[in-house]
C-alpha atoms as a PDB file:
ATOM      1  CA  MET A   1     -99.106  53.350-110.268  1.00  0.00           C
ATOM      2  CA  SER A   2     -99.010  51.685-113.675  1.00  0.00           C
ATOM      3  CA  SER A   3    -102.116  50.437-115.384  1.00  0.00           C
ATOM      4  CA  ARG A   4    -102.592  47.238-117.341  1.00  0.00           C
ATOM      5  CA  LEU A   5    -104.845  46.934-120.351  1.00  0.00           C
ATOM      6  CA  VAL A   6    -106.603  43.547-120.437  1.00  0.00           C
ATOM      7  CA  LEU A   7    -108.708  42.448-123.422  1.00  0.00           C
ATOM      8  CA  CYS A   8    -111.691  40.232-122.568  1.00  0.00           C
ATOM      9  CA  LEU A   9    -113.304  38.164-125.323  1.00  0.00           C
ATOM     10  CA  GLY A  10    -116.045  35.586-125.272  1.00  0.00           C
ATOM     11  CA  ASP A  11    -117.800  33.142-127.562  1.00  0.00           C
ATOM     12  CA  LEU A  12    -115.925  33.640-130.831  1.00  0.00           C
ATOM     13  CA  PHE A  13    -117.164  30.462-132.592  1.00  0.00           C
ATOM     14  CA  ILE A  14    -115.022  30.970-135.711  1.00  0.00           C
ATOM     15  CA  PRO A  15    -115.830  29.424-138.218  1.00  0.00           C
ATOM     16  CA  ASP A  16    -118.701  27.448-136.634  1.00  0.00           C
ATOM     17  CA  ARG A  17    -121.149  30.351-136.177  1.00  0.00           C
ATOM     18  CA  ALA A  18    -119.245  33.432-137.406  1.00  0.00           C
ATOM     19  CA  ALA A  19    -116.777  34.116-140.223  1.00  0.00           C
ATOM     20  CA  ASP A  20    -114.310  36.280-138.248  1.00  0.00           C
ATOM     21  CA  ILE A  21    -113.849  39.074-135.723  1.00  0.00           C
ATOM     22  CA  PRO A  22    -115.387  42.137-137.441  1.00  0.00           C
ATOM     23  CA  GLN A  23    -112.874  44.320-139.316  1.00  0.00           C
ATOM     24  CA  LYS A  24    -113.987  47.406-137.385  1.00  0.00           C
ATOM     25  CA  PHE A  25    -112.940  45.603-134.174  1.00  0.00           C
ATOM     26  CA  ARG A  26    -109.678  44.269-135.646  1.00  0.00           C
ATOM     27  CA  LYS A  27    -108.649  47.830-136.592  1.00  0.00           C
ATOM     28  CA  LEU A  28    -109.017  48.896-132.940  1.00  0.00           C
ATOM     29  CA  LEU A  29    -106.870  46.033-131.651  1.00  0.00           C
ATOM     30  CA  SER A  30    -103.207  46.736-132.277  1.00  0.00           C
ATOM     31  CA  PRO A  31    -100.137  44.904-130.974  1.00  0.00           C
ATOM     32  CA  GLY A  32     -98.137  46.481-128.148  1.00  0.00           C
ATOM     33  CA  LYS A  33    -100.997  48.166-126.281  1.00  0.00           C
ATOM     34  CA  ILE A  34    -102.671  45.168-124.627  1.00  0.00           C
ATOM     35  CA  SER A  35    -100.756  43.389-121.857  1.00  0.00           C
ATOM     36  CA  GLN A  36    -103.034  40.367-121.441  1.00  0.00           C
ATOM     37  CA  ILE A  37    -105.992  38.673-123.137  1.00  0.00           C
ATOM     38  CA  LEU A  38    -108.608  36.711-121.213  1.00  0.00           C
ATOM     39  CA  CYS A  39    -110.542  34.469-123.603  1.00  0.00           C
ATOM     40  CA  LEU A  40    -113.696  32.950-122.142  1.00  0.00           C
ATOM     41  CA  GLY A  41    -113.752  29.888-124.356  1.00  0.00           C
ATOM     42  CA  ASN A  42    -114.880  28.776-127.795  1.00  0.00           C
ATOM     43  CA  LEU A  43    -111.679  29.924-129.476  1.00  0.00           C
ATOM     44  CA  THR A  44    -112.122  27.173-132.028  1.00  0.00           C
ATOM     45  CA  ASP A  45    -109.726  28.058-134.865  1.00  0.00           C
ATOM     46  CA  LYS A  46    -105.942  28.393-135.222  1.00  0.00           C
ATOM     47  CA  PRO A  47    -105.827  31.685-137.250  1.00  0.00           C
ATOM     48  CA  THR A  48    -107.781  33.564-134.541  1.00  0.00           C
ATOM     49  CA  HIS A  49    -105.521  32.067-131.863  1.00  0.00           C
ATOM     50  CA  THR A  50    -102.480  33.316-133.838  1.00  0.00           C
ATOM     51  CA  PHE A  51    -104.063  36.775-134.271  1.00  0.00           C
ATOM     52  CA  LEU A  52    -104.733  37.087-130.531  1.00  0.00           C
ATOM     53  CA  ARG A  53    -101.168  36.001-129.671  1.00  0.00           C
ATOM     54  CA  SER A  54     -99.910  38.749-132.022  1.00  0.00           C
ATOM     55  CA  LEU A  55    -101.826  41.304-129.922  1.00  0.00           C
ATOM     56  CA  ALA A  56    -100.482  40.085-126.580  1.00  0.00           C
ATOM     57  CA  PRO A  57     -98.307  37.047-125.903  1.00  0.00           C
ATOM     58  CA  ASP A  58    -100.063  36.611-122.522  1.00  0.00           C
ATOM     59  CA  LEU A  59    -103.197  34.836-123.783  1.00  0.00           C
ATOM     60  CA  GLN A  60    -105.154  33.164-120.975  1.00  0.00           C
ATOM     61  CA  LEU A  61    -107.831  30.655-122.015  1.00  0.00           C
ATOM     62  CA  VAL A  62    -110.594  28.651-120.369  1.00  0.00           C
ATOM     63  CA  LYS A  63    -112.576  25.797-121.883  1.00  0.00           C
ATOM     64  CA  GLY A  64    -115.823  26.702-123.614  1.00  0.00           C
ATOM     65  CA  SER A  65    -118.681  24.382-124.487  1.00  0.00           C
ATOM     66  CA  PHE A  66    -117.264  23.826-128.032  1.00  0.00           C
ATOM     67  CA  ASP A  67    -113.544  23.656-127.217  1.00  0.00           C
ATOM     68  CA  THR A  68    -111.963  20.245-127.736  1.00  0.00           C
ATOM     69  CA  ASP A  69    -108.681  20.852-125.856  1.00  0.00           C
ATOM     70  CA  SER A  70    -109.122  18.783-122.699  1.00  0.00           C
ATOM     71  CA  SER A  71    -106.104  20.456-121.050  1.00  0.00           C
ATOM     72  CA  LEU A  72    -107.989  23.762-120.690  1.00  0.00           C
ATOM     73  CA  ALA A  73    -109.375  24.560-117.233  1.00  0.00           C
ATOM     74  CA  LEU A  74    -113.068  25.410-116.809  1.00  0.00           C
ATOM     75  CA  SER A  75    -112.127  28.520-114.820  1.00  0.00           C
ATOM     76  CA  ARG A  76    -109.006  30.509-113.933  1.00  0.00           C
ATOM     77  CA  VAL A  77    -107.951  33.411-111.741  1.00  0.00           C
ATOM     78  CA  VAL A  78    -105.480  36.207-112.532  1.00  0.00           C
ATOM     79  CA  THR A  79    -104.365  38.993-110.197  1.00  0.00           C
ATOM     80  CA  HIS A  80    -103.842  42.626-111.197  1.00  0.00           C
ATOM     81  CA  GLY A  81    -102.976  45.093-108.453  1.00  0.00           C
ATOM     82  CA  SER A  82    -105.202  44.207-105.523  1.00  0.00           C
ATOM     83  CA  LEU A  83    -107.911  42.771-107.782  1.00  0.00           C
ATOM     84  CA  ARG A  84    -108.459  39.044-108.176  1.00  0.00           C
ATOM     85  CA  ILE A  85    -110.192  38.435-111.505  1.00  0.00           C
ATOM     86  CA  GLY A  86    -111.830  35.095-112.225  1.00  0.00           C
ATOM     87  CA  PHE A  87    -113.038  33.996-115.631  1.00  0.00           C
ATOM     88  CA  THR A  88    -115.073  31.105-116.980  1.00  0.00           C
ATOM     89  CA  HIS A  89    -117.020  30.323-120.126  1.00  0.00           C
ATOM     90  CA  GLY A  90    -120.300  30.142-118.257  1.00  0.00           C
ATOM     91  CA  HIS A  91    -121.666  26.742-119.349  1.00  0.00           C
ATOM     92  CA  THR A  92    -120.962  25.555-115.799  1.00  0.00           C
ATOM     93  CA  ILE A  93    -123.151  28.342-114.330  1.00  0.00           C
ATOM     94  CA  ILE A  94    -126.614  26.834-113.817  1.00  0.00           C
ATOM     95  CA  PRO A  95    -129.026  28.312-114.676  1.00  0.00           C
ATOM     96  CA  PRO A  96    -126.971  30.183-117.316  1.00  0.00           C
ATOM     97  CA  GLY A  97    -126.255  33.803-116.359  1.00  0.00           C
ATOM     98  CA  ASP A  98    -128.143  33.484-113.035  1.00  0.00           C
ATOM     99  CA  GLN A  99    -126.976  36.180-110.589  1.00  0.00           C
ATOM    100  CA  ASP A 100    -127.128  33.945-107.509  1.00  0.00           C
ATOM    101  CA  SER A 101    -125.165  31.188-109.279  1.00  0.00           C
ATOM    102  CA  LEU A 102    -122.574  33.732-110.460  1.00  0.00           C
ATOM    103  CA  LEU A 103    -122.249  35.101-106.919  1.00  0.00           C
ATOM    104  CA  ILE A 104    -121.660  31.567-105.593  1.00  0.00           C
ATOM    105  CA  ALA A 105    -119.002  30.979-108.286  1.00  0.00           C
ATOM    106  CA  ALA A 106    -117.271  34.300-107.424  1.00  0.00           C
ATOM    107  CA  ARG A 107    -117.199  33.351-103.745  1.00  0.00           C
ATOM    108  CA  GLN A 108    -115.868  29.847-104.483  1.00  0.00           C
ATOM    109  CA  MET A 109    -113.113  31.336-106.672  1.00  0.00           C
ATOM    110  CA  ASP A 110    -112.463  34.073-104.051  1.00  0.00           C
ATOM    111  CA  VAL A 111    -112.462  36.843-106.680  1.00  0.00           C
ATOM    112  CA  ASP A 112    -113.384  40.531-106.747  1.00  0.00           C
ATOM    113  CA  VAL A 113    -114.329  40.415-110.430  1.00  0.00           C
ATOM    114  CA  LEU A 114    -115.929  37.512-112.303  1.00  0.00           C
ATOM    115  CA  LEU A 115    -115.976  37.396-116.093  1.00  0.00           C
ATOM    116  CA  TRP A 116    -118.289  34.869-117.705  1.00  0.00           C
ATOM    117  CA  GLY A 117    -119.495  34.012-121.176  1.00  0.00           C
ATOM    118  CA  GLY A 118    -121.970  31.685-122.783  1.00  0.00           C
ATOM    119  CA  THR A 119    -124.876  34.089-123.282  1.00  0.00           C
ATOM    120  CA  HIS A 120    -123.265  36.152-126.107  1.00  0.00           C
ATOM    121  CA  ARG A 121    -124.767  39.275-124.459  1.00  0.00           C
ATOM    122  CA  PHE A 122    -122.818  42.081-122.747  1.00  0.00           C
ATOM    123  CA  GLU A 123    -123.613  42.659-119.070  1.00  0.00           C
ATOM    124  CA  ALA A 124    -121.831  44.454-116.220  1.00  0.00           C
ATOM    125  CA  TYR A 125    -123.095  44.944-112.690  1.00  0.00           C
ATOM    126  CA  GLU A 126    -121.997  45.049-109.058  1.00  0.00           C
ATOM    127  CA  LEU A 127    -123.510  42.649-106.530  1.00  0.00           C
ATOM    128  CA  GLU A 128    -122.528  42.283-102.871  1.00  0.00           C
ATOM    129  CA  GLY A 129    -119.171  44.030-103.359  1.00  0.00           C
ATOM    130  CA  LYS A 130    -118.195  41.971-106.402  1.00  0.00           C
ATOM    131  CA  PHE A 131    -118.201  43.035-110.053  1.00  0.00           C
ATOM    132  CA  PHE A 132    -119.637  40.778-112.769  1.00  0.00           C
ATOM    133  CA  VAL A 133    -118.833  41.232-116.469  1.00  0.00           C
ATOM    134  CA  ASN A 134    -119.951  39.313-119.540  1.00  0.00           C
ATOM    135  CA  PRO A 135    -118.085  40.710-122.588  1.00  0.00           C
ATOM    136  CA  GLY A 136    -120.607  39.158-124.989  1.00  0.00           C
ATOM    137  CA  SER A 137    -119.480  37.676-128.308  1.00  0.00           C
ATOM    138  CA  ALA A 138    -116.772  39.583-130.207  1.00  0.00           C
ATOM    139  CA  THR A 139    -118.022  38.040-133.461  1.00  0.00           C
ATOM    140  CA  GLY A 140    -121.750  38.398-132.830  1.00  0.00           C
ATOM    141  CA  ALA A 141    -122.094  34.607-133.012  1.00  0.00           C
ATOM    142  CA  THR A 142    -125.641  33.418-132.462  1.00  0.00           C
ATOM    143  CA  ALA A 143    -126.711  31.872-129.163  1.00  0.00           C
ATOM    144  CA  THR A 144    -129.948  29.967-128.921  1.00  0.00           C
ATOM    145  CA  GLY A 145    -132.397  31.387-126.400  1.00  0.00           C
ATOM    146  CA  TRP A 146    -130.514  34.579-125.467  1.00  0.00           C
ATOM    147  CA  TRP A 147    -131.840  37.062-128.021  1.00  0.00           C
ATOM    148  CA  PRO A 148    -135.443  38.005-128.753  1.00  0.00           C
ATOM    149  CA  GLU A 149    -136.752  36.424-131.948  1.00  0.00           C
ATOM    150  CA  GLY A 150    -135.796  38.484-134.991  1.00  0.00           C
ATOM    151  CA  GLU A 151    -133.051  40.370-133.109  1.00  0.00           C
ATOM    152  CA  ASP A 152    -129.410  39.717-134.017  1.00  0.00           C
ATOM    153  CA  PRO A 153    -126.674  39.488-131.383  1.00  0.00           C
ATOM    154  CA  VAL A 154    -124.609  42.665-130.976  1.00  0.00           C
ATOM    155  CA  PRO A 155    -120.873  41.956-131.380  1.00  0.00           C
ATOM    156  CA  SER A 156    -118.992  43.208-128.318  1.00  0.00           C
ATOM    157  CA  PHE A 157    -115.743  42.976-126.396  1.00  0.00           C
ATOM    158  CA  VAL A 158    -114.326  44.601-123.288  1.00  0.00           C
ATOM    159  CA  LEU A 159    -111.029  46.321-122.513  1.00  0.00           C
ATOM    160  CA  MET A 160    -110.237  46.541-118.800  1.00  0.00           C
ATOM    161  CA  ASP A 161    -107.838  49.210-117.591  1.00  0.00           C
ATOM    162  CA  VAL A 162    -106.674  47.933-114.194  1.00  0.00           C
ATOM    163  CA  GLN A 163    -105.152  50.534-111.863  1.00  0.00           C
ATOM    164  CA  GLY A 164    -104.545  49.151-108.367  1.00  0.00           C
ATOM    165  CA  ASP A 165    -107.966  48.557-106.805  1.00  0.00           C
ATOM    166  CA  VAL A 166    -109.802  50.374-109.622  1.00  0.00           C
ATOM    167  CA  LEU A 167    -111.004  48.748-112.815  1.00  0.00           C
ATOM    168  CA  VAL A 168    -112.183  50.918-115.709  1.00  0.00           C
ATOM    169  CA  LEU A 169    -114.148  48.931-118.246  1.00  0.00           C
ATOM    170  CA  TYR A 170    -114.432  50.070-121.875  1.00  0.00           C
ATOM    171  CA  VAL A 171    -117.234  48.232-123.660  1.00  0.00           C
ATOM    172  CA  TYR A 172    -117.041  48.162-127.457  1.00  0.00           C
ATOM    173  CA  GLN A 173    -120.242  47.275-129.318  1.00  0.00           C
ATOM    174  CA  LEU A 174    -120.855  47.098-133.072  1.00  0.00           C
ATOM    175  CA  ARG A 175    -124.389  48.291-133.791  1.00  0.00           C
ATOM    176  CA  LYS A 176    -126.252  49.066-136.988  1.00  0.00           C
ATOM    177  CA  ASP A 177    -127.847  52.492-137.396  1.00  0.00           C
ATOM    178  CA  ALA A 178    -131.231  53.118-139.076  1.00  0.00           C
ATOM    179  CA  ASN A 179    -129.547  52.864-142.505  1.00  0.00           C
ATOM    180  CA  GLY A 180    -127.900  49.528-141.708  1.00  0.00           C
ATOM    181  CA  VAL A 181    -124.414  51.051-141.353  1.00  0.00           C
ATOM    182  CA  GLU A 182    -122.294  49.456-138.631  1.00  0.00           C
ATOM    183  CA  ASN A 183    -120.693  51.774-136.089  1.00  0.00           C
ATOM    184  CA  VAL A 184    -118.562  51.016-133.036  1.00  0.00           C
ATOM    185  CA  GLY A 185    -119.855  52.551-129.825  1.00  0.00           C
ATOM    186  CA  VAL A 186    -117.854  52.690-126.594  1.00  0.00           C
ATOM    187  CA  GLU A 187    -119.243  52.938-123.095  1.00  0.00           C
ATOM    188  CA  LYS A 188    -117.282  53.273-119.858  1.00  0.00           C
ATOM    189  CA  VAL A 189    -118.038  51.592-116.508  1.00  0.00           C
ATOM    190  CA  SER A 190    -115.853  51.905-113.391  1.00  0.00           C
ATOM    191  CA  PHE A 191    -115.487  49.593-110.402  1.00  0.00           C
ATOM    192  CA  ARG A 192    -113.500  50.152-107.229  1.00  0.00           C
ATOM    193  CA  LYS A 193    -112.825  47.204-104.961  1.00  0.00           C
ATOM    194  CA  GLY A 194    -115.520  47.512-102.313  1.00  0.00           C
ATOM    195  CA  GLY A 195    -118.113  49.048-104.668  1.00  0.00           C
ATOM    196  CA  VAL A 196    -118.839  50.637-108.051  1.00  0.00           C
ATOM    197  CA  GLN A 197    -117.561  54.204-108.409  1.00  0.00           C
END
């Protein structure tokens, strides 16, 4: 069984709220390894769009709260193996990030996995046999109301390795150590259709 590597990005806001995708992230993202990119909206500049297309020609987009392209859908579904993966920016989830509202959206889209954005904060959890993932903001763009006062957003993105009915999630986060030096940390989360492994 072959696996597919899918890059999931949310809330880029370049140049509105962030200058660029951090260099330490760009160095990890090389052309030819990623088969598909799911962008959860707010891809607001042409150079970043071009960069993402250079990584994988299969760039799937949904409309974020700042996107001006009216042809973009608010949500989409892709299928990998036996997994149906839905993705949306999240501004249509009310209240934002609410688990019950996300569960309703996942049921309406008839998906096993739901990716959502809008909060700029990484989350991953299983609920009622479905897997929910928010990749956060790859640029660390600010989001009003989602971070404690005085705390900066943590830039993050997610790589999904899809193998049949199993999804292995690699979460990349750029955190500062006690000396203010930025380091990329990676954490792994697995999901099997029917429940988390």
